[in-house]
Amino acid sequence: MVFPKDFLWGGATAANQYEGGWNEGGKGVSTSDCCTRGSRTRPREVTYKTKDGKIETQMMFALEAPAGATFGSYEGYDYPSYQATDFYHHYKEDIALFAEMGFKMFRLSINWTRIYPNGYDEQPNEEGLKFYDNIFDELNKYGIEPLVTLSHYETPVALTNKWNSWADRRTIDCFVRYATTCFERYKGKVKYWLTFNEINCIEFGGWLAAGVPSKNPEVLAKATLHQLLASALTVKAAHEIDDNYKVGNMIGYSATYPYTCNPSDVLKQREGQRNVDFYSDVQARGYYPSSKLKQYEQAGIDFTLSDEDEAILKEGTVDFITFSYYMSACVSADPEVIAGQSGNMLTGVSNPYLEASDWGWHIDPVGLRIALNDFYTKYQLPLMVVENGLGAVDKVEEDGSIHDDYRINYLRSHIEAMNQAINVDGVDLIGYTPWGCIDLVSASTGEMEKRYGFIYVDYQDDGTGDGKRIKKDSFDWYKKVIATNGEDLT
């Protein structure tokens, strides 16, 4: 069993974690530029000034800013997005390495503040537009198809300071202007687009996904609606500009299982699944599911959809569905079980049948097959797995080699699961872009120690390193996988 003839093998990155050049070429300050470096034991923080001018910080995933706070980046703090792994100055070298591996597709994001530095600007920044022209030309030279995310965990911080970013409806027009500028400028160079990266991660707090410094459910409900409307309007604009454009969504997905066969655990799992399905329901089916509206009503959230809103959502459904998949999780309705265990990242309890990564993420390739079947059964749209990979500590040997069999084993098992989904289950999977195909900064922790790439980048969390690119063992392994279209995984 092999993959489809035109299967899009590649890799994935994001501007805020990879690009660097944070204040070059006319770029503005983004929300990611205000997030400090963290680690496995130290959370990332967001920096801001209070009304009296004092600089303060709060944890990124628990941010509830005081009234009058002004967000920015300040001297004396370590912001990993400033340099990231410096694609800004190494893009030709990096793309040549991707071509050497045989990439058919490269997922990257455009940094909104490189095109519109404040978000609300009337005219785009030509130098920023030219930078991405150069990247797309370089990719096209090697026959690599760009997959472009328009918003990947960064929002112009000026919008946050002006009117609370996505919590304000005016941000929709700013985003659509930005997206339309990209669609018009890169017509003929880019075919595949994504609107918002892991749009459902706004559930973890508004900062990372929406530049909203709040965890207030009513504020986040409004921000979510505004992003969903912007996504729909963006899809419509893309199709009007070029009927060859294909626009997809992107969901952060983790397969979830009931911890036991107790019906309460099963119900808990299904409630959580509905919260994930909600976003893809709106983007793929064009309407808010009744379960979400009822959830808002029961929570006392003031939420209404106008006739115009409903029409926009209906007219702007996506052409394909993409998602990230790293792990699975168990959920329990038993408070004692929840209190006594820890699961993946922010949610869940430990699964006794699975091994975990160094960062506590459960490794579960079968969960990827389950995810693919869930999405395809529900929506019958082409799918792409646009993030998948193993974050680990990589050691550079004295001879410069990097032996990452653990990463190869992880990826092999997940590719096998995709093969089963295609050839046994009949899923229409068209592409696979493993996350961090070249080392970059971790979004959740802001560190370099947690590496995903086939290519090692010599930047360290203590500020040392010269940025040298070094092939890991997984580089040649993945090159062989692509050359054989997934047939040879040894």
Protein backbone atom coordinates (compact mmCIF):
# COMPACT_ATOMS: atom_id res chain seq x y z
CA MET A 1 0.00 0.00 0.00
CA VAL A 2 1.38 3.39 -1.01
CA PHE A 3 0.22 6.96 -0.86
CA PRO A 4 -1.69 8.69 -3.68
CA LYS A 5 0.38 9.63 -6.72
CA ASP A 6 0.28 13.40 -6.11
CA PHE A 7 0.53 13.25 -2.32
CA LEU A 8 1.97 16.48 -0.90
CA TRP A 9 4.89 15.53 1.36
CA GLY A 10 6.61 18.41 3.10
CA GLY A 11 7.15 20.23 6.36
CA ALA A 12 5.67 23.04 8.42
CA THR A 13 6.85 26.18 10.21
CA ALA A 14 5.43 29.48 11.51
CA ALA A 15 6.82 32.98 11.13
CA ASN A 16 6.72 33.88 14.83
CA GLN A 17 8.75 30.77 15.72
CA TYR A 18 11.07 30.56 12.73
CA GLU A 19 11.41 33.80 10.83
CA GLY A 20 13.24 36.21 13.14
CA GLY A 21 14.15 39.66 11.78
CA TRP A 22 11.55 40.97 14.20
CA ASN A 23 12.25 44.68 13.58
CA GLU A 24 13.75 44.55 10.08
CA GLY A 25 12.19 45.45 6.76
CA GLY A 26 9.55 47.73 8.24
CA LYS A 27 7.95 45.01 10.33
CA GLY A 28 5.75 46.04 13.27
CA VAL A 29 5.53 44.48 16.72
CA SER A 30 3.33 41.41 16.98
CA THR A 31 1.79 39.80 20.03
CA SER A 32 4.38 37.00 19.84
CA ASP A 33 7.14 39.61 20.14
CA CYS A 34 5.82 40.34 23.64
CA CYS A 35 6.15 36.72 24.86
CA THR A 36 9.24 35.78 26.85
CA ARG A 37 11.23 32.57 26.68
CA GLY A 38 10.13 29.77 29.00
CA SER A 39 11.06 26.15 29.59
CA ARG A 40 9.59 22.83 30.75
CA THR A 41 9.45 24.25 34.29
CA ARG A 42 9.07 27.98 33.66
CA PRO A 43 6.01 29.34 31.82
CA ARG A 44 6.16 31.92 29.04
CA GLU A 45 5.07 35.40 30.12
CA VAL A 46 3.63 38.44 28.36
CA THR A 47 5.07 41.90 29.05
CA TYR A 48 3.08 45.12 29.34
CA LYS A 49 3.08 48.55 30.97
CA THR A 50 0.47 49.52 33.50
CA LYS A 51 -1.27 52.89 33.40
CA ASP A 52 1.40 54.31 35.74
CA GLY A 53 4.21 53.13 33.43
CA LYS A 54 5.38 50.10 35.42
CA ILE A 55 6.45 47.06 33.38
CA GLU A 56 4.75 43.87 34.54
CA THR A 57 4.36 40.30 33.31
CA GLN A 58 1.72 37.58 33.43
CA MET A 59 1.72 33.95 32.32
CA MET A 60 0.77 33.67 28.66
CA PHE A 61 -1.87 30.97 29.19
CA ALA A 62 -3.41 32.72 32.22
CA LEU A 63 -3.33 36.32 31.02
CA GLU A 64 -5.96 38.64 32.44
CA ALA A 65 -4.55 42.11 31.96
CA PRO A 66 -5.49 45.12 34.07
CA ALA A 67 -7.45 47.96 32.51
CA GLY A 68 -5.25 50.42 30.65
CA ALA A 69 -2.36 47.98 30.07
CA THR A 70 -0.19 48.70 27.04
CA PHE A 71 1.51 45.66 25.56
CA GLY A 72 4.97 45.71 24.05
CA SER A 73 8.50 44.34 24.20
CA TYR A 74 11.03 45.98 26.50
CA GLU A 75 14.73 45.94 27.24
CA GLY A 76 15.91 43.39 29.76
CA TYR A 77 13.56 40.60 28.66
CA ASP A 78 14.33 37.58 26.52
CA TYR A 79 11.99 37.37 23.52
CA PRO A 80 12.73 34.28 21.41
CA SER A 81 10.76 35.56 18.40
CA TYR A 82 13.35 38.31 17.87
CA GLN A 83 15.77 35.89 16.26
CA ALA A 84 13.86 32.60 16.29
CA THR A 85 15.97 30.46 13.92
CA ASP A 86 16.48 33.29 11.44
CA PHE A 87 14.71 32.19 8.28
CA TYR A 88 14.69 35.90 7.44
CA HIS A 89 18.40 35.73 6.58
CA HIS A 90 18.69 32.00 5.75
CA TYR A 91 15.66 31.37 3.53
CA LYS A 92 17.62 30.42 0.42
CA GLU A 93 19.80 27.98 2.33
CA ASP A 94 16.83 26.46 4.15
CA ILE A 95 14.65 26.09 1.06
CA ALA A 96 17.56 24.38 -0.73
CA LEU A 97 17.68 21.86 2.13
CA PHE A 98 13.91 21.30 1.87
CA ALA A 99 14.33 20.71 -1.85
CA GLU A 100 17.13 18.24 -1.15
CA MET A 101 14.72 16.26 1.01
CA GLY A 102 12.27 16.29 -1.89
CA PHE A 103 9.54 18.46 -0.39
CA LYS A 104 6.42 18.80 -2.53
CA MET A 105 4.92 21.35 -0.12
CA PHE A 106 6.22 23.77 2.50
CA ARG A 107 3.87 25.22 5.07
CA LEU A 108 4.84 28.67 6.32
CA SER A 109 2.99 31.67 7.65
CA ILE A 110 3.04 35.30 6.64
CA ASN A 111 3.68 37.63 9.56
CA TRP A 112 0.77 40.09 9.47
CA THR A 113 2.93 42.86 10.95
CA ARG A 114 5.43 42.50 8.12
CA ILE A 115 2.66 43.48 5.66
CA TYR A 116 0.62 45.85 7.84
CA PRO A 117 2.87 46.88 10.76
CA ASN A 118 0.01 48.13 12.96
CA GLY A 119 -2.77 46.02 11.53
CA TYR A 120 -4.99 49.03 10.87
CA ASP A 121 -2.67 50.74 8.33
CA GLU A 122 -4.30 51.87 5.09
CA GLN A 123 -1.36 50.89 2.88
CA PRO A 124 0.84 47.75 3.04
CA ASN A 125 4.56 47.70 3.64
CA GLU A 126 6.19 47.08 0.26
CA GLU A 127 9.41 45.74 1.76
CA GLY A 128 7.46 43.07 3.62
CA LEU A 129 5.52 42.11 0.52
CA LYS A 130 8.77 41.80 -1.43
CA PHE A 131 10.28 39.51 1.23
CA TYR A 132 7.53 36.94 0.69
CA ASP A 133 7.75 37.42 -3.08
CA ASN A 134 11.35 36.28 -2.78
CA ILE A 135 10.40 33.26 -0.67
CA PHE A 136 7.65 32.11 -3.02
CA ASP A 137 9.93 32.58 -6.04
CA GLU A 138 12.57 30.45 -4.32
CA LEU A 139 10.04 27.73 -3.51
CA ASN A 140 8.66 27.78 -7.03
CA LYS A 141 12.19 27.45 -8.42
CA TYR A 142 12.38 24.03 -6.76
CA GLY A 143 8.82 23.05 -7.56
CA ILE A 144 7.72 23.26 -3.92
CA GLU A 145 4.08 24.23 -3.37
CA PRO A 146 3.63 26.87 -0.63
CA LEU A 147 0.90 26.29 1.95
CA VAL A 148 0.44 29.71 3.53
CA THR A 149 -1.15 30.39 6.91
CA LEU A 150 -2.37 33.97 7.17
CA SER A 151 -2.48 34.12 10.97
CA HIS A 152 -0.32 31.77 13.03
CA TYR A 153 -0.24 32.81 16.69
CA GLU A 154 0.60 36.43 16.02
CA THR A 155 -1.53 39.55 15.79
CA PRO A 156 -0.37 43.18 15.46
CA VAL A 157 0.00 44.33 19.07
CA ALA A 158 -1.11 47.79 17.99
CA LEU A 159 -4.59 46.34 17.47
CA THR A 160 -4.56 44.96 21.01
CA ASN A 161 -3.57 48.34 22.39
CA LYS A 162 -6.04 50.25 20.20
CA TRP A 163 -9.25 48.28 20.69
CA ASN A 164 -8.52 44.86 22.23
CA SER A 165 -7.76 43.13 18.95
CA TRP A 166 -10.18 40.35 17.97
CA ALA A 167 -12.57 41.21 20.79
CA ASP A 168 -13.52 44.20 18.61
CA ARG A 169 -15.42 43.71 15.36
CA ARG A 170 -13.28 46.29 13.54
CA THR A 171 -10.42 43.79 13.45
CA ILE A 172 -12.38 41.78 10.86
CA ASP A 173 -11.97 44.52 8.25
CA CYS A 174 -8.26 44.85 9.05
CA PHE A 175 -7.70 41.14 8.56
CA VAL A 176 -9.70 40.92 5.35
CA ARG A 177 -7.73 43.86 3.94
CA TYR A 178 -4.48 42.10 4.84
CA ALA A 179 -5.64 38.77 3.37
CA THR A 180 -6.92 40.41 0.19
CA THR A 181 -3.57 42.18 -0.25
CA CYS A 182 -1.83 38.79 -0.04
CA PHE A 183 -4.26 37.13 -2.44
CA GLU A 184 -3.78 39.86 -5.04
CA ARG A 185 -0.01 40.12 -4.64
CA TYR A 186 0.78 36.39 -4.72
CA LYS A 187 -1.68 35.29 -7.39
CA GLY A 188 0.06 32.67 -9.49
CA LYS A 189 2.67 31.97 -6.81
CA VAL A 190 0.50 30.44 -4.08
CA LYS A 191 -2.46 28.11 -4.47
CA TYR A 192 -3.15 26.77 -0.96
CA TRP A 193 -4.05 29.05 1.96
CA LEU A 194 -5.08 28.59 5.59
CA THR A 195 -6.88 31.29 7.55
CA PHE A 196 -6.20 30.88 11.32
CA ASN A 197 -3.81 28.40 12.88
CA GLU A 198 -5.42 26.15 15.51
CA ILE A 199 -8.36 28.53 15.81
CA ASN A 200 -9.84 26.40 18.61
CA CYS A 201 -6.85 27.10 20.86
CA ILE A 202 -8.54 30.35 21.83
CA GLU A 203 -10.17 28.06 24.43
CA PHE A 204 -6.85 28.16 26.34
CA GLY A 205 -6.99 31.97 26.62
CA GLY A 206 -7.14 34.80 24.17
CA TRP A 207 -3.53 35.93 23.87
CA LEU A 208 -1.84 33.27 21.79
CA ALA A 209 -4.60 32.75 19.24
CA ALA A 210 -6.20 36.19 19.13
CA GLY A 211 -4.10 38.85 20.87
CA VAL A 212 -6.85 39.28 23.46
CA PRO A 213 -5.45 39.62 27.02
CA SER A 214 -8.35 37.86 28.69
CA LYS A 215 -9.82 34.50 29.67
CA ASN A 216 -13.32 35.93 30.12
CA PRO A 217 -15.72 33.52 28.34
CA GLU A 218 -17.92 36.31 26.95
CA VAL A 219 -14.93 38.22 25.55
CA LEU A 220 -13.56 35.04 23.99
CA ALA A 221 -16.96 34.16 22.49
CA LYS A 222 -16.97 37.51 20.68
CA ALA A 223 -13.35 37.14 19.57
CA THR A 224 -14.13 33.66 18.26
CA LEU A 225 -17.11 34.91 16.27
CA HIS A 226 -15.03 37.71 14.77
CA GLN A 227 -12.31 35.27 13.67
CA LEU A 228 -14.87 32.89 12.18
CA LEU A 229 -16.50 35.75 10.27
CA ALA A 230 -13.08 36.95 9.08
CA SER A 231 -12.25 33.42 7.94
CA ALA A 232 -15.47 33.18 5.94
CA LEU A 233 -15.00 36.60 4.34
CA THR A 234 -11.40 35.66 3.53
CA VAL A 235 -12.49 32.44 1.78
CA LYS A 236 -14.99 34.40 -0.28
CA ALA A 237 -12.42 37.08 -1.20
CA ALA A 238 -9.91 34.43 -2.27
CA HIS A 239 -12.36 32.74 -4.61
CA GLU A 240 -13.32 36.07 -6.15
CA ILE A 241 -9.69 36.98 -6.82
CA ASP A 242 -8.61 33.59 -8.20
CA ASP A 243 -10.90 30.62 -8.71
CA ASN A 244 -7.83 28.35 -8.50
CA TYR A 245 -7.27 29.30 -4.86
CA LYS A 246 -7.98 26.63 -2.27
CA VAL A 247 -8.56 27.89 1.28
CA GLY A 248 -8.66 25.67 4.32
CA ASN A 249 -9.05 25.93 8.07
CA MET A 250 -6.69 24.58 10.73
CA ILE A 251 -7.74 22.84 13.93
CA GLY A 252 -5.58 21.88 16.89
CA TYR A 253 -6.63 18.27 17.42
CA SER A 254 -5.99 15.71 20.10
CA ALA A 255 -7.85 12.41 20.04
CA THR A 256 -9.61 11.99 23.38
CA TYR A 257 -10.73 8.80 25.10
CA PRO A 258 -12.92 8.19 28.15
CA TYR A 259 -10.62 7.19 31.00
CA THR A 260 -12.97 4.33 31.85
CA CYS A 261 -16.20 2.84 30.47
CA ASN A 262 -18.12 4.71 33.17
CA PRO A 263 -20.90 6.51 31.24
CA SER A 264 -19.94 9.74 33.02
CA ASP A 265 -16.45 9.53 31.50
CA VAL A 266 -17.95 8.84 28.06
CA LEU A 267 -20.23 11.85 28.38
CA LYS A 268 -17.28 14.00 29.49
CA GLN A 269 -15.32 12.92 26.42
CA ARG A 270 -18.20 13.73 24.09
CA GLU A 271 -18.69 17.15 25.63
CA GLY A 272 -15.05 17.95 24.99
CA GLN A 273 -15.26 16.62 21.43
CA ARG A 274 -18.20 18.94 20.71
CA ASN A 275 -16.07 21.91 21.74
CA VAL A 276 -13.46 20.93 19.15
CA ASP A 277 -16.01 20.09 16.47
CA PHE A 278 -17.67 23.48 16.88
CA TYR A 279 -14.93 25.34 15.01
CA SER A 280 -14.76 22.97 12.06
CA ASP A 281 -18.56 22.79 11.99
CA VAL A 282 -18.74 26.54 11.44
CA GLN A 283 -15.89 26.67 8.93
CA ALA A 284 -16.89 23.57 6.93
CA ARG A 285 -20.69 23.58 7.30
CA GLY A 286 -21.31 27.30 7.62
CA TYR A 287 -23.34 27.57 10.80
CA TYR A 288 -23.08 27.55 14.60
CA PRO A 289 -24.16 24.16 15.98
CA SER A 290 -27.09 24.26 18.37
CA SER A 291 -24.93 22.72 21.11
CA LYS A 292 -22.63 25.77 21.18
CA LEU A 293 -25.52 28.23 21.23
CA LYS A 294 -27.08 26.28 24.10
CA GLN A 295 -23.74 26.26 25.92
CA TYR A 296 -23.53 30.05 25.66
CA GLU A 297 -27.11 30.40 26.87
CA GLN A 298 -26.53 28.19 29.91
CA ALA A 299 -23.35 30.09 30.78
CA GLY A 300 -25.21 33.41 30.65
CA ILE A 301 -23.07 34.68 27.79
CA ASP A 302 -24.61 37.52 25.82
CA PHE A 303 -24.30 36.21 22.28
CA THR A 304 -26.32 36.80 19.16
CA LEU A 305 -25.84 36.05 15.48
CA SER A 306 -27.33 38.56 13.08
CA ASP A 307 -28.89 37.52 9.77
CA GLU A 308 -25.87 39.07 8.08
CA ASP A 309 -23.46 37.05 10.24
CA GLU A 310 -25.28 33.84 9.40
CA ALA A 311 -25.16 34.63 5.69
CA ILE A 312 -21.42 35.36 5.82
CA LEU A 313 -20.66 32.07 7.57
CA LYS A 314 -22.80 30.13 5.09
CA GLU A 315 -21.12 31.68 2.05
CA GLY A 316 -17.53 31.30 3.28
CA THR A 317 -17.04 27.59 3.93
CA VAL A 318 -13.56 26.13 3.42
CA ASP A 319 -12.35 23.96 0.53
CA PHE A 320 -10.37 21.51 2.65
CA ILE A 321 -9.63 20.76 6.30
CA THR A 322 -6.26 20.70 8.00
CA PHE A 323 -5.29 19.91 11.55
CA SER A 324 -2.39 19.35 13.90
CA TYR A 325 -1.94 16.07 15.69
CA TYR A 326 0.76 15.31 18.26
CA MET A 327 -0.89 13.22 20.96
CA SER A 328 -4.05 11.86 22.50
CA ALA A 329 -5.54 12.39 25.94
CA CYS A 330 -7.87 10.69 28.39
CA VAL A 331 -10.67 12.54 30.16
CA SER A 332 -12.39 11.67 33.40
CA ALA A 333 -15.43 12.89 35.27
CA ASP A 334 -13.97 11.70 38.58
CA PRO A 335 -12.41 14.60 40.56
CA GLU A 336 -10.10 12.19 42.40
CA VAL A 337 -8.69 10.84 39.13
CA ILE A 338 -8.21 14.35 37.76
CA ALA A 339 -6.46 15.50 40.94
CA GLY A 340 -4.17 12.49 41.10
CA GLN A 341 -2.79 12.51 37.56
CA SER A 342 -1.44 14.81 34.90
CA GLY A 343 -1.96 14.44 31.18
CA ASN A 344 -0.77 16.29 28.11
CA MET A 345 0.16 19.95 28.20
CA LEU A 346 -2.92 21.64 29.68
CA THR A 347 -5.60 18.96 29.75
CA GLY A 348 -6.34 15.30 30.36
CA VAL A 349 -5.15 12.48 32.56
CA SER A 350 -2.44 9.91 31.90
CA ASN A 351 -3.16 6.98 29.62
CA PRO A 352 -1.57 3.83 31.09
CA TYR A 353 -1.37 2.18 27.65
CA LEU A 354 0.84 4.82 26.06
CA GLU A 355 4.39 6.10 26.40
CA ALA A 356 5.05 9.82 26.70
CA SER A 357 7.63 12.23 25.29
CA ASP A 358 10.12 14.15 27.45
CA TRP A 359 7.48 16.88 27.68
CA GLY A 360 4.74 14.51 28.84
CA TRP A 361 2.86 14.27 25.54
CA HIS A 362 1.43 10.79 24.95
CA ILE A 363 2.59 9.12 21.74
CA ASP A 364 -0.40 7.59 19.98
CA PRO A 365 -0.33 6.96 16.19
CA VAL A 366 -3.65 5.11 16.31
CA GLY A 367 -5.17 8.38 17.55
CA LEU A 368 -4.13 10.00 14.26
CA ARG A 369 -6.02 7.36 12.29
CA ILE A 370 -9.03 7.98 14.53
CA ALA A 371 -8.74 11.74 13.95
CA LEU A 372 -8.56 11.32 10.17
CA ASN A 373 -11.66 9.14 10.20
CA ASP A 374 -13.53 11.58 12.45
CA PHE A 375 -12.87 14.55 10.20
CA TYR A 376 -13.58 12.75 6.94
CA THR A 377 -16.75 11.07 8.18
CA LYS A 378 -18.15 14.39 9.36
CA TYR A 379 -17.20 16.69 6.49
CA GLN A 380 -16.27 14.63 3.39
CA LEU A 381 -13.64 17.21 2.44
CA PRO A 382 -9.99 16.63 1.49
CA LEU A 383 -7.70 16.55 4.54
CA MET A 384 -4.13 17.53 5.32
CA VAL A 385 -2.14 16.75 8.46
CA VAL A 386 -0.19 20.01 8.67
CA GLU A 387 1.50 19.52 12.05
CA ASN A 388 2.78 16.29 13.58
CA GLY A 389 6.08 15.53 15.24
CA LEU A 390 8.13 14.80 18.31
CA GLY A 391 9.68 17.51 20.43
CA ALA A 392 12.86 16.16 21.99
CA VAL A 393 16.34 17.05 23.21
CA ASP A 394 18.83 16.39 20.40
CA LYS A 395 22.51 15.77 21.05
CA VAL A 396 25.20 16.83 18.60
CA GLU A 397 27.95 14.18 18.66
CA GLU A 398 31.65 15.03 18.47
CA ASP A 399 31.66 14.24 14.75
CA GLY A 400 28.71 16.57 14.17
CA SER A 401 26.14 13.81 13.66
CA ILE A 402 22.73 13.79 15.34
CA HIS A 403 21.13 10.41 15.89
CA ASP A 404 17.38 10.92 16.35
CA ASP A 405 15.96 7.42 15.99
CA TYR A 406 13.25 8.39 18.49
CA ARG A 407 11.95 10.97 16.00
CA ILE A 408 12.12 8.54 13.09
CA ASN A 409 10.19 5.95 15.11
CA TYR A 410 7.53 8.50 16.02
CA LEU A 411 7.07 9.71 12.45
CA ARG A 412 7.18 6.20 10.96
CA SER A 413 4.33 5.02 13.18
CA HIS A 414 2.21 8.05 12.32
CA ILE A 415 2.84 7.69 8.59
CA GLU A 416 1.78 4.05 8.87
CA ALA A 417 -1.42 5.22 10.56
CA MET A 418 -2.07 7.67 7.70
CA ASN A 419 -1.51 4.85 5.20
CA GLN A 420 -4.15 2.77 6.98
CA ALA A 421 -6.58 5.68 6.98
CA ILE A 422 -6.16 6.13 3.22
CA ASN A 423 -5.97 2.54 2.01
CA VAL A 424 -8.17 0.74 4.54
CA ASP A 425 -10.62 3.41 5.67
CA GLY A 426 -10.96 5.40 2.43
CA VAL A 427 -9.99 8.78 3.84
CA ASP A 428 -9.12 11.48 1.27
CA LEU A 429 -5.79 12.62 2.74
CA ILE A 430 -3.83 14.80 0.30
CA GLY A 431 -0.86 16.14 2.27
CA TYR A 432 1.44 15.76 5.26
CA THR A 433 3.71 18.50 6.60
CA PRO A 434 5.44 17.45 9.85
CA TRP A 435 5.93 20.25 12.34
CA GLY A 436 9.18 22.08 12.73
CA CYS A 437 10.83 20.39 9.75
CA ILE A 438 13.74 22.61 10.72
CA ASP A 439 14.33 23.50 14.38
CA LEU A 440 12.39 26.49 15.65
CA VAL A 441 11.15 28.04 18.88
CA SER A 442 8.46 26.09 20.76
CA ALA A 443 5.15 27.97 20.83
CA SER A 444 4.03 26.65 24.22
CA THR A 445 7.32 27.04 26.10
CA GLY A 446 9.32 29.47 23.96
CA GLU A 447 12.45 27.35 24.16
CA MET A 448 14.96 25.92 21.69
CA GLU A 449 15.74 22.82 23.73
CA LYS A 450 12.50 21.22 22.53
CA ARG A 451 13.43 20.42 18.94
CA TYR A 452 11.31 18.90 16.17
CA GLY A 453 13.31 19.31 12.99
CA PHE A 454 15.02 17.12 10.43
CA ILE A 455 17.56 19.95 10.44
CA TYR A 456 19.32 21.11 13.61
CA VAL A 457 19.84 24.85 14.02
CA ASP A 458 22.66 25.87 16.33
CA TYR A 459 20.88 28.41 18.49
CA GLN A 460 20.63 27.72 22.21
CA ASP A 461 18.36 29.03 24.96
CA ASP A 462 21.29 30.82 26.63
CA GLY A 463 21.83 32.96 23.54
CA THR A 464 24.84 31.05 22.20
CA GLY A 465 25.15 29.39 18.80
CA ASP A 466 25.97 30.51 15.30
CA GLY A 467 22.82 29.37 13.49
CA LYS A 468 24.59 26.62 11.57
CA ARG A 469 22.26 24.13 9.88
CA ILE A 470 23.10 20.44 10.52
CA LYS A 471 21.29 17.44 9.05
CA LYS A 472 19.99 14.91 11.55
CA ASP A 473 19.64 11.21 10.76
CA SER A 474 15.94 11.86 10.18
CA PHE A 475 16.83 14.12 7.23
CA ASP A 476 17.98 11.25 5.03
CA TRP A 477 15.23 8.99 6.37
CA TYR A 478 12.49 11.45 5.40
CA LYS A 479 14.18 12.04 2.03
CA LYS A 480 13.82 8.29 1.36
CA VAL A 481 10.20 8.28 2.53
CA ILE A 482 9.32 11.04 0.06
CA ALA A 483 11.31 9.48 -2.80
CA THR A 484 9.40 6.21 -2.38
CA ASN A 485 6.05 7.98 -1.78
CA GLY A 486 5.82 6.43 1.67
CA GLU A 487 6.59 2.87 0.61
CA ASP A 488 10.00 2.60 2.29
CA LEU A 489 9.79 3.56 5.97
CA THR A 490 12.82 1.56 7.17
